[in-house]
PDB file of N, CA and C in Angstrom:
ATOM      1  N   MET A   1     114.945 115.680 101.207  1.00  0.00           N
ATOM      2  CA  MET A   1     114.647 115.325  99.829  1.00  0.00           C
ATOM      3  C   MET A   1     114.455 113.809  99.718  1.00  0.00           C
ATOM      4  N   THR A   2     113.310 113.390  99.191  1.00  0.00           N
ATOM      5  CA  THR A   2     113.006 111.975  99.029  1.00  0.00           C
ATOM      6  C   THR A   2     113.205 111.573  97.582  1.00  0.00           C
ATOM      7  N   THR A   3     113.934 110.485  97.370  1.00  0.00           N
ATOM      8  CA  THR A   3     114.135 109.986  96.016  1.00  0.00           C
ATOM      9  C   THR A   3     113.203 108.803  95.791  1.00  0.00           C
ATOM     10  N   GLU A   4     112.806 108.615  94.561  1.00  0.00           N
ATOM     11  CA  GLU A   4     111.960 107.479  94.212  1.00  0.00           C
ATOM     12  C   GLU A   4     112.779 106.194  94.321  1.00  0.00           C
ATOM     13  N   PRO A   5     112.182 105.144  94.864  1.00  0.00           N
ATOM     14  CA  PRO A   5     112.907 103.872  94.946  1.00  0.00           C
ATOM     15  C   PRO A   5     113.073 103.262  93.559  1.00  0.00           C
ATOM     16  N   GLU A   6     114.058 102.413  93.443  1.00  0.00           N
ATOM     17  CA  GLU A   6     114.293 101.690  92.195  1.00  0.00           C
ATOM     18  C   GLU A   6     113.103 100.770  91.922  1.00  0.00           C
ATOM     19  N   PRO A   7     112.820 100.471  90.658  1.00  0.00           N
ATOM     20  CA  PRO A   7     111.762  99.494  90.348  1.00  0.00           C
ATOM     21  C   PRO A   7     112.088  98.138  90.973  1.00  0.00           C
ATOM     22  N   LEU A   8     111.067  97.425  91.365  1.00  0.00           N
ATOM     23  CA  LEU A   8     111.248  96.092  91.925  1.00  0.00           C
ATOM     24  C   LEU A   8     111.643  95.127  90.802  1.00  0.00           C
ATOM     25  N   THR A   9     112.483  94.161  91.124  1.00  0.00           N
ATOM     26  CA  THR A   9     112.945  93.178  90.144  1.00  0.00           C
ATOM     27  C   THR A   9     112.623  91.771  90.624  1.00  0.00           C
ATOM     28  N   ALA A  10     112.915  90.787  89.806  1.00  0.00           N
ATOM     29  CA  ALA A  10     112.691  89.389  90.175  1.00  0.00           C
ATOM     30  C   ALA A  10     113.535  88.983  91.378  1.00  0.00           C
ATOM     31  N   ALA A  11     114.595  89.717  91.658  1.00  0.00           N
ATOM     32  CA  ALA A  11     115.444  89.415  92.817  1.00  0.00           C
ATOM     33  C   ALA A  11     114.817  89.885  94.131  1.00  0.00           C
ATOM     34  N   ASP A  12     113.833  90.787  94.067  1.00  0.00           N
ATOM     35  CA  ASP A  12     113.151  91.271  95.272  1.00  0.00           C
ATOM     36  C   ASP A  12     112.082  90.261  95.651  1.00  0.00           C
ATOM     37  N   ARG A  13     112.138  89.794  96.904  1.00  0.00           N
ATOM     38  CA  ARG A  13     111.272  88.705  97.345  1.00  0.00           C
ATOM     39  C   ARG A  13     110.367  89.145  98.485  1.00  0.00           C
ATOM     40  N   CYS A  14     109.170  88.585  98.530  1.00  0.00           N
ATOM     41  CA  CYS A  14     108.185  88.869  99.573  1.00  0.00           C
ATOM     42  C   CYS A  14     108.728  88.458 100.935  1.00  0.00           C
ATOM     43  N   ASP A  15     108.597  89.349 101.911  1.00  0.00           N
ATOM     44  CA  ASP A  15     109.065  89.060 103.265  1.00  0.00           C
ATOM     45  C   ASP A  15     108.201  88.010 103.973  1.00  0.00           C
ATOM     46  N   ARG A  16     107.014  87.731 103.472  1.00  0.00           N
ATOM     47  CA  ARG A  16     106.136  86.742 104.091  1.00  0.00           C
ATOM     48  C   ARG A  16     106.319  85.348 103.507  1.00  0.00           C
ATOM     49  N   CYS A  17     106.410  85.253 102.152  1.00  0.00           N
ATOM     50  CA  CYS A  17     106.395  83.916 101.548  1.00  0.00           C
ATOM     51  C   CYS A  17     107.547  83.646 100.587  1.00  0.00           C
ATOM     52  N   GLY A  18     108.319  84.656 100.240  1.00  0.00           N
ATOM     53  CA  GLY A  18     109.448  84.461  99.344  1.00  0.00           C
ATOM     54  C   GLY A  18     109.126  84.557  97.863  1.00  0.00           C
ATOM     55  N   ALA A  19     107.857  84.786  97.510  1.00  0.00           N
ATOM     56  CA  ALA A  19     107.491  84.970  96.101  1.00  0.00           C
ATOM     57  C   ALA A  19     108.040  86.314  95.612  1.00  0.00           C
ATOM     58  N   GLN A  20     107.982  86.547  94.306  1.00  0.00           N
ATOM     59  CA  GLN A  20     108.463  87.816  93.764  1.00  0.00           C
ATOM     60  C   GLN A  20     107.667  88.967  94.357  1.00  0.00           C
ATOM     61  N   ALA A  21     108.366  90.001  94.786  1.00  0.00           N
ATOM     62  CA  ALA A  21     107.726  91.167  95.406  1.00  0.00           C
ATOM     63  C   ALA A  21     107.229  92.138  94.347  1.00  0.00           C
ATOM     64  N   TYR A  22     106.023  92.631  94.551  1.00  0.00           N
ATOM     65  CA  TYR A  22     105.432  93.647  93.683  1.00  0.00           C
ATOM     66  C   TYR A  22     105.013  94.884  94.471  1.00  0.00           C
ATOM     67  N   VAL A  23     105.177  94.846  95.786  1.00  0.00           N
ATOM     68  CA  VAL A  23     104.816  95.974  96.646  1.00  0.00           C
ATOM     69  C   VAL A  23     105.965  96.250  97.602  1.00  0.00           C
ATOM     70  N   ARG A  24     106.428  97.505  97.620  1.00  0.00           N
ATOM     71  CA  ARG A  24     107.444  97.940  98.571  1.00  0.00           C
ATOM     72  C   ARG A  24     106.767  98.930  99.514  1.00  0.00           C
ATOM     73  N   VAL A  25     106.904  98.688 100.809  1.00  0.00           N
ATOM     74  CA  VAL A  25     106.353  99.576 101.823  1.00  0.00           C
ATOM     75  C   VAL A  25     107.528 100.185 102.577  1.00  0.00           C
ATOM     76  N   VAL A  26     107.719 101.482 102.408  1.00  0.00           N
ATOM     77  CA  VAL A  26     108.809 102.180 103.083  1.00  0.00           C
ATOM     78  C   VAL A  26     108.257 102.755 104.375  1.00  0.00           C
ATOM     79  N   LEU A  27     108.902 102.397 105.468  1.00  0.00           N
ATOM     80  CA  LEU A  27     108.522 102.864 106.793  1.00  0.00           C
ATOM     81  C   LEU A  27     109.566 103.849 107.293  1.00  0.00           C
ATOM     82  N   GLU A  28     109.307 104.461 108.413  1.00  0.00           N
ATOM     83  CA  GLU A  28     110.270 105.424 108.964  1.00  0.00           C
ATOM     84  C   GLU A  28     111.638 104.788 109.174  1.00  0.00           C
ATOM     85  N   HIS A  29     111.639 103.523 109.594  1.00  0.00           N
ATOM     86  CA  HIS A  29     112.908 102.823 109.851  1.00  0.00           C
ATOM     87  C   HIS A  29     112.939 101.498 109.106  1.00  0.00           C
ATOM     88  N   GLY A  30     113.099 101.542 107.794  1.00  0.00           N
ATOM     89  CA  GLY A  30     113.218 100.318 107.012  1.00  0.00           C
ATOM     90  C   GLY A  30     112.118 100.174 105.989  1.00  0.00           C
ATOM     91  N   GLU A  31     112.053  98.981 105.409  1.00  0.00           N
ATOM     92  CA  GLU A  31     111.044  98.715 104.396  1.00  0.00           C
ATOM     93  C   GLU A  31     110.616  97.265 104.443  1.00  0.00           C
ATOM     94  N   LEU A  32     109.453  97.009 103.874  1.00  0.00           N
ATOM     95  CA  LEU A  32     108.913  95.666 103.740  1.00  0.00           C
ATOM     96  C   LEU A  32     108.626  95.424 102.273  1.00  0.00           C
ATOM     97  N   LEU A  33     108.803  94.185 101.834  1.00  0.00           N
ATOM     98  CA  LEU A  33     108.481  93.792 100.471  1.00  0.00           C
ATOM     99  C   LEU A  33     107.405  92.716 100.528  1.00  0.00           C
ATOM    100  N   PHE A  34     106.405  92.837  99.633  1.00  0.00           N
ATOM    101  CA  PHE A  34     105.311  91.872  99.602  1.00  0.00           C
ATOM    102  C   PHE A  34     105.000  91.461  98.178  1.00  0.00           C
ATOM    103  N   CYS A  35     104.560  90.214  98.019  1.00  0.00           N
ATOM    104  CA  CYS A  35     103.984  89.780  96.755  1.00  0.00           C
ATOM    105  C   CYS A  35     102.617  90.469  96.636  1.00  0.00           C
ATOM    106  N   GLY A  36     101.964  90.320  95.509  1.00  0.00           N
ATOM    107  CA  GLY A  36     100.659  90.949  95.340  1.00  0.00           C
ATOM    108  C   GLY A  36      99.656  90.489  96.379  1.00  0.00           C
ATOM    109  N   HIS A  37      99.615  89.187  96.642  1.00  0.00           N
ATOM    110  CA  HIS A  37      98.671  88.624  97.614  1.00  0.00           C
ATOM    111  C   HIS A  37      98.890  89.203  99.005  1.00  0.00           C
ATOM    112  N   HIS A  38     100.118  89.146  99.504  1.00  0.00           N
ATOM    113  CA  HIS A  38     100.379  89.640 100.853  1.00  0.00           C
ATOM    114  C   HIS A  38     100.319  91.165 100.921  1.00  0.00           C
ATOM    115  N   GLY A  39     100.620  91.840  99.825  1.00  0.00           N
ATOM    116  CA  GLY A  39     100.460  93.292  99.793  1.00  0.00           C
ATOM    117  C   GLY A  39      99.017  93.691 100.031  1.00  0.00           C
ATOM    118  N   ARG A  40      98.085  92.991  99.365  1.00  0.00           N
ATOM    119  CA  ARG A  40      96.654  93.264  99.571  1.00  0.00           C
ATOM    120  C   ARG A  40      96.222  92.842 100.966  1.00  0.00           C
ATOM    121  N   ALA A  41      96.686  91.678 101.407  1.00  0.00           N
ATOM    122  CA  ALA A  41      96.247  91.148 102.696  1.00  0.00           C
ATOM    123  C   ALA A  41      96.659  92.037 103.873  1.00  0.00           C
ATOM    124  N   HIS A  42      97.804  92.709 103.773  1.00  0.00           N
ATOM    125  CA  HIS A  42      98.316  93.505 104.883  1.00  0.00           C
ATOM    126  C   HIS A  42      98.177  95.010 104.688  1.00  0.00           C
ATOM    127  N   ALA A  43      97.512  95.429 103.613  1.00  0.00           N
ATOM    128  CA  ALA A  43      97.393  96.862 103.307  1.00  0.00           C
ATOM    129  C   ALA A  43      96.780  97.648 104.460  1.00  0.00           C
ATOM    130  N   GLY A  44      95.807  97.101 105.134  1.00  0.00           N
ATOM    131  CA  GLY A  44      95.170  97.800 106.247  1.00  0.00           C
ATOM    132  C   GLY A  44      96.136  98.086 107.383  1.00  0.00           C
ATOM    133  N   ALA A  45      97.126  97.243 107.553  1.00  0.00           N
ATOM    134  CA  ALA A  45      98.090  97.414 108.642  1.00  0.00           C
ATOM    135  C   ALA A  45      99.184  98.417 108.299  1.00  0.00           C
ATOM    136  N   TYR A  46      99.612  98.467 107.038  1.00  0.00           N
ATOM    137  CA  TYR A  46     100.747  99.336 106.721  1.00  0.00           C
ATOM    138  C   TYR A  46     100.370 100.691 106.136  1.00  0.00           C
ATOM    139  N   THR A  47      99.177 100.848 105.640  1.00  0.00           N
ATOM    140  CA  THR A  47      98.806 102.082 104.946  1.00  0.00           C
ATOM    141  C   THR A  47      99.015 103.321 105.810  1.00  0.00           C
ATOM    142  N   GLU A  48      98.611 103.276 107.048  1.00  0.00           N
ATOM    143  CA  GLU A  48      98.737 104.435 107.943  1.00  0.00           C
ATOM    144  C   GLU A  48     100.182 104.685 108.376  1.00  0.00           C
ATOM    145  N   LEU A  49     101.013 103.653 108.396  1.00  0.00           N
ATOM    146  CA  LEU A  49     102.383 103.768 108.892  1.00  0.00           C
ATOM    147  C   LEU A  49     103.411 104.097 107.808  1.00  0.00           C
ATOM    148  N   ALA A  50     103.081 103.805 106.567  1.00  0.00           N
ATOM    149  CA  ALA A  50     104.042 103.918 105.471  1.00  0.00           C
ATOM    150  C   ALA A  50     104.339 105.370 105.111  1.00  0.00           C
ATOM    151  N   THR A  51     105.608 105.619 104.790  1.00  0.00           N
ATOM    152  CA  THR A  51     105.974 106.922 104.236  1.00  0.00           C
ATOM    153  C   THR A  51     105.885 106.877 102.715  1.00  0.00           C
ATOM    154  N   LEU A  52     105.913 105.649 102.145  1.00  0.00           N
ATOM    155  CA  LEU A  52     105.760 105.458 100.708  1.00  0.00           C
ATOM    156  C   LEU A  52     105.295 104.032 100.458  1.00  0.00           C
ATOM    157  N   VAL A  53     104.329 103.867  99.563  1.00  0.00           N
ATOM    158  CA  VAL A  53     103.922 102.542  99.104  1.00  0.00           C
ATOM    159  C   VAL A  53     104.154 102.504  97.603  1.00  0.00           C
ATOM    160  N   GLN A  54     105.053 101.636  97.179  1.00  0.00           N
ATOM    161  CA  GLN A  54     105.376 101.451  95.763  1.00  0.00           C
ATOM    162  C   GLN A  54     104.644 100.188  95.311  1.00  0.00           C
ATOM    163  N   ASP A  55     103.557 100.360  94.608  1.00  0.00           N
ATOM    164  CA  ASP A  55     102.720  99.241  94.187  1.00  0.00           C
ATOM    165  C   ASP A  55     102.925  99.000  92.698  1.00  0.00           C
ATOM    166  N   GLU A  56     103.544  97.877  92.373  1.00  0.00           N
ATOM    167  CA  GLU A  56     103.795  97.509  90.982  1.00  0.00           C
ATOM    168  C   GLU A  56     102.986  96.279  90.582  1.00  0.00           C
ATOM    169  N   THR A  57     101.853  96.060  91.266  1.00  0.00           N
ATOM    170  CA  THR A  57     101.040  94.881  90.965  1.00  0.00           C
ATOM    171  C   THR A  57     100.460  94.921  89.558  1.00  0.00           C
ATOM    172  N   ASP A  58     100.433  96.098  88.923  1.00  0.00           N
ATOM    173  CA  ASP A  58      99.978  96.170  87.534  1.00  0.00           C
ATOM    174  C   ASP A  58     100.875  95.344  86.613  1.00  0.00           C
ATOM    175  N   LYS A  59     102.112  95.096  87.032  1.00  0.00           N
ATOM    176  CA  LYS A  59     103.032  94.253  86.252  1.00  0.00           C
ATOM    177  C   LYS A  59     102.539  92.809  86.174  1.00  0.00           C
ATOM    178  N   LEU A  60     101.781  92.369  87.186  1.00  0.00           N
ATOM    179  CA  LEU A  60     101.283  91.000  87.181  1.00  0.00           C
ATOM    180  C   LEU A  60     100.400  90.744  85.967  1.00  0.00           C
ATOM    181  N   LEU A  61      99.503  91.646  85.660  1.00  0.00           N
ATOM    182  CA  LEU A  61      98.637  91.498  84.500  1.00  0.00           C
ATOM    183  C   LEU A  61      99.446  91.556  83.217  1.00  0.00           C
ATOM    184  N   ALA A  62     100.392  92.481  83.160  1.00  0.00           N
ATOM    185  CA  ALA A  62     101.222  92.621  81.958  1.00  0.00           C
ATOM    186  C   ALA A  62     102.094  91.390  81.730  1.00  0.00           C
ATOM    187  N   GLU A  63     102.612  90.806  82.819  1.00  0.00           N
ATOM    188  CA  GLU A  63     103.515  89.663  82.698  1.00  0.00           C
ATOM    189  C   GLU A  63     102.786  88.339  82.518  1.00  0.00           C
ATOM    190  N   HIS A  64     101.632  88.199  83.182  1.00  0.00           N
ATOM    191  CA  HIS A  64     100.967  86.906  83.232  1.00  0.00           C
ATOM    192  C   HIS A  64      99.594  86.886  82.574  1.00  0.00           C
ATOM    193  N   GLY A  65      99.106  88.037  82.164  1.00  0.00           N
ATOM    194  CA  GLY A  65      97.813  88.118  81.505  1.00  0.00           C
ATOM    195  C   GLY A  65      96.652  87.891  82.453  1.00  0.00           C
ATOM    196  N   SER A  66      95.494  88.124  81.951  1.00  0.00           N
ATOM    197  CA  SER A  66      94.277  87.956  82.727  1.00  0.00           C
ATOM    198  C   SER A  66      93.909  86.480  82.808  1.00  0.00           C
ATOM    199  N   ALA A  67      93.469  86.039  83.976  1.00  0.00           N
ATOM    200  CA  ALA A  67      93.051  84.652  84.140  1.00  0.00           C
ATOM    201  C   ALA A  67      91.840  84.344  83.265  1.00  0.00           C
ATOM    202  N   SER A  68      90.999  85.353  83.031  1.00  0.00           N
ATOM    203  CA  SER A  68      89.818  85.136  82.202  1.00  0.00           C
ATOM    204  C   SER A  68      90.170  84.995  80.726  1.00  0.00           C
ATOM    205  N   ALA A  69      91.370  85.433  80.338  1.00  0.00           N
ATOM    206  CA  ALA A  69      91.786  85.354  78.936  1.00  0.00           C
ATOM    207  C   ALA A  69      92.342  83.980  78.584  1.00  0.00           C
ATOM    208  N   ARG A  70      92.503  83.124  79.573  1.00  0.00           N
ATOM    209  CA  ARG A  70      93.082  81.799  79.326  1.00  0.00           C
ATOM    210  C   ARG A  70      92.038  80.771  79.008  1.00  0.00           C
TER     211      ARG A  70
END
């Protein structure tokens, strides 16, 4: 039985750069956290290996708005 992971929070940090994580990649043995940028940049590498990809990048638009709206 697989349970849904908890929502990502401001305390969850990208494993590559330390920015706020918006993508959780669950692997057979562990997980990786990525900011939106690194989540997109590494998607080709983890997509086939992941047992779950929790993508909350939609929060970026909700929290920070569209760049074109500024």
